[in-house]
C-alpha atoms as a PDB file:
ATOM      1  CA  MET A   1       2.156   0.411  -7.818  1.00  0.00           C
ATOM      2  CA  VAL A   2      -0.270  -0.688  -5.184  1.00  0.00           C
ATOM      3  CA  GLY A   3      -3.589  -1.577  -6.817  1.00  0.00           C
ATOM      4  CA  PHE A   4      -7.030  -0.322  -6.007  1.00  0.00           C
ATOM      5  CA  GLY A   5      -7.696  -3.377  -3.813  1.00  0.00           C
ATOM      6  CA  LEU A   6      -5.639  -2.143  -0.918  1.00  0.00           C
ATOM      7  CA  GLY A   7      -7.521   1.249  -0.782  1.00  0.00           C
ATOM      8  CA  GLU A   8     -10.866  -0.535  -1.022  1.00  0.00           C
ATOM      9  CA  ASP A   9      -9.981  -3.051   1.632  1.00  0.00           C
ATOM     10  CA  ALA A  10      -8.594  -0.415   4.025  1.00  0.00           C
ATOM     11  CA  ILE A  11     -11.734   1.746   3.632  1.00  0.00           C
ATOM     12  CA  ASP A  12     -14.002  -1.332   4.083  1.00  0.00           C
ATOM     13  CA  LEU A  13     -12.168  -2.146   7.379  1.00  0.00           C
ATOM     14  CA  LEU A  14     -12.738   1.410   8.486  1.00  0.00           C
ATOM     15  CA  CYS A  15     -16.353   1.368   7.600  1.00  0.00           C
ATOM     16  CA  ASP A  16     -16.847  -1.994   9.471  1.00  0.00           C
ATOM     17  CA  ARG A  17     -15.761  -0.377  12.685  1.00  0.00           C
ATOM     18  CA  ALA A  18     -18.649   0.797  14.877  1.00  0.00           C
ATOM     19  CA  ASP A  19     -16.574   3.389  16.700  1.00  0.00           C
ATOM     20  CA  VAL A  20     -15.303   5.392  13.575  1.00  0.00           C
ATOM     21  CA  THR A  21     -17.251   7.061  10.672  1.00  0.00           C
ATOM     22  CA  ALA A  22     -15.403   7.218   7.354  1.00  0.00           C
ATOM     23  CA  ASP A  23     -14.743  10.742   6.220  1.00  0.00           C
ATOM     24  CA  TYR A  24     -15.306  11.767   2.540  1.00  0.00           C
ATOM     25  CA  LEU A  25     -11.542  12.084   2.129  1.00  0.00           C
ATOM     26  CA  GLN A  26      -9.097   9.178   2.756  1.00  0.00           C
ATOM     27  CA  VAL A  27      -5.411   9.687   2.460  1.00  0.00           C
ATOM     28  CA  PHE A  28      -2.852   6.989   1.740  1.00  0.00           C
ATOM     29  CA  GLU A  29       0.910   7.699   2.265  1.00  0.00           C
ATOM     30  CA  LEU A  30       2.853   5.028   0.289  1.00  0.00           C
ATOM     31  CA  MET A  31       6.516   4.216   0.799  1.00  0.00           C
ATOM     32  CA  ALA A  32       8.657   1.746  -1.087  1.00  0.00           C
ATOM     33  CA  MET A  33      10.653  -0.199   1.442  1.00  0.00           C
ATOM     34  CA  PRO A  34      14.087  -1.678   0.491  1.00  0.00           C
ATOM     35  CA  PRO A  35      14.123  -5.445  -0.364  1.00  0.00           C
ATOM     36  CA  ASN A  36      15.177  -7.978   2.140  1.00  0.00           C
ATOM     37  CA  ALA A  37      16.823 -11.413   1.577  1.00  0.00           C
ATOM     38  CA  THR A  38      13.742 -13.356   2.620  1.00  0.00           C
ATOM     39  CA  ASP A  39      10.847 -12.032   0.649  1.00  0.00           C
ATOM     40  CA  GLY A  40      11.804  -9.140  -1.532  1.00  0.00           C
ATOM     41  CA  HIS A  41      10.284  -5.693  -1.743  1.00  0.00           C
ATOM     42  CA  HIS A  42       7.676  -4.303   0.684  1.00  0.00           C
ATOM     43  CA  GLN A  43       5.123  -1.508   0.456  1.00  0.00           C
ATOM     44  CA  SER A  44       4.457   0.507   3.535  1.00  0.00           C
ATOM     45  CA  VAL A  45       1.002   2.161   3.601  1.00  0.00           C
ATOM     46  CA  ALA A  46      -0.182   4.762   6.255  1.00  0.00           C
ATOM     47  CA  HIS A  47      -3.914   5.258   5.883  1.00  0.00           C
ATOM     48  CA  ARG A  48      -5.453   8.361   7.620  1.00  0.00           C
ATOM     49  CA  GLN A  49      -8.440  10.643   7.692  1.00  0.00           C
ATOM     50  CA  GLU A  50      -9.019  13.920   9.631  1.00  0.00           C
ATOM     51  CA  GLN A  51     -12.641  13.815  10.765  1.00  0.00           C
ATOM     52  CA  PRO A  52     -13.018  11.899  12.889  1.00  0.00           C
ATOM     53  CA  ASN A  53      -9.352  11.258  13.445  1.00  0.00           C
ATOM     54  CA  TYR A  54      -8.271   7.846  12.225  1.00  0.00           C
ATOM     55  CA  ARG A  55      -4.917   6.203  11.413  1.00  0.00           C
ATOM     56  CA  ALA A  56      -3.801   2.732  10.384  1.00  0.00           C
ATOM     57  CA  ALA A  57      -0.654   1.281   9.028  1.00  0.00           C
ATOM     58  CA  TYR A  58      -0.051  -1.660   6.635  1.00  0.00           C
ATOM     59  CA  SER A  59       3.014  -3.451   5.318  1.00  0.00           C
ATOM     60  CA  LEU A  60       2.772  -5.847   2.388  1.00  0.00           C
ATOM     61  CA  HIS A  61       4.817  -7.561  -0.229  1.00  0.00           C
ATOM     62  CA  ALA A  62       4.926  -5.650  -3.555  1.00  0.00           C
ATOM     63  CA  ASP A  63       6.566  -6.539  -6.898  1.00  0.00           C
ATOM     64  CA  ARG A  64       6.847  -2.864  -7.660  1.00  0.00           C
ATOM     65  CA  PRO A  65       6.543  -0.769  -4.601  1.00  0.00           C
ATOM     66  CA  TYR A  66       5.674   3.023  -5.035  1.00  0.00           C
ATOM     67  CA  THR A  67       6.514   6.126  -2.999  1.00  0.00           C
ATOM     68  CA  GLY A  68       3.866   8.867  -3.045  1.00  0.00           C
ATOM     69  CA  ARG A  69       0.509   9.885  -1.833  1.00  0.00           C
ATOM     70  CA  ALA A  70      -2.981   8.806  -2.969  1.00  0.00           C
ATOM     71  CA  PHE A  71      -6.317  10.322  -2.233  1.00  0.00           C
ATOM     72  CA  VAL A  72      -9.775   8.606  -2.193  1.00  0.00           C
ATOM     73  CA  ILE A  73     -12.740  11.067  -2.321  1.00  0.00           C
ATOM     74  CA  ASP A  74     -16.142   9.653  -1.667  1.00  0.00           C
ATOM     75  CA  TYR A  75     -19.022  11.399  -3.365  1.00  0.00           C
ATOM     76  CA  GLY A  76     -21.633   9.125  -1.932  1.00  0.00           C
ATOM     77  CA  THR A  77     -22.727   7.648  -5.271  1.00  0.00           C
ATOM     78  CA  HIS A  78     -19.221   7.011  -6.505  1.00  0.00           C
ATOM     79  CA  ALA A  79     -15.570   7.565  -5.395  1.00  0.00           C
ATOM     80  CA  THR A  80     -12.439   8.877  -7.103  1.00  0.00           C
ATOM     81  CA  MET A  81      -8.915   7.668  -6.373  1.00  0.00           C
ATOM     82  CA  LEU A  82      -5.985   9.758  -7.581  1.00  0.00           C
ATOM     83  CA  LEU A  83      -2.350  10.163  -6.911  1.00  0.00           C
ATOM     84  CA  ALA A  84      -1.111  13.507  -5.551  1.00  0.00           C
ATOM     85  CA  CYS A  85       0.907  14.007  -8.782  1.00  0.00           C
ATOM     86  CA  GLU A  86      -2.404  13.928 -10.767  1.00  0.00           C
ATOM     87  CA  TYR A  87      -4.071  16.578  -8.496  1.00  0.00           C
END
């Protein structure tokens, strides 16, 4: 499973951009990619928000890739990250 670090890093990158404001809801579509001969398994991550519209894609090495959806909800004072299956 992708750790919390990726979600935090992706949201930090979004917040650092002057042209986009982070929405209270961030969505991460996670897809386990098949291994290749060179460097093993990969995790594909599509990061998006609706207001304002924002999309980014990441691909990284993962020992145990995961397929599913994760949500990050920002309450201002704290944030909650959960998988769609936990909702």
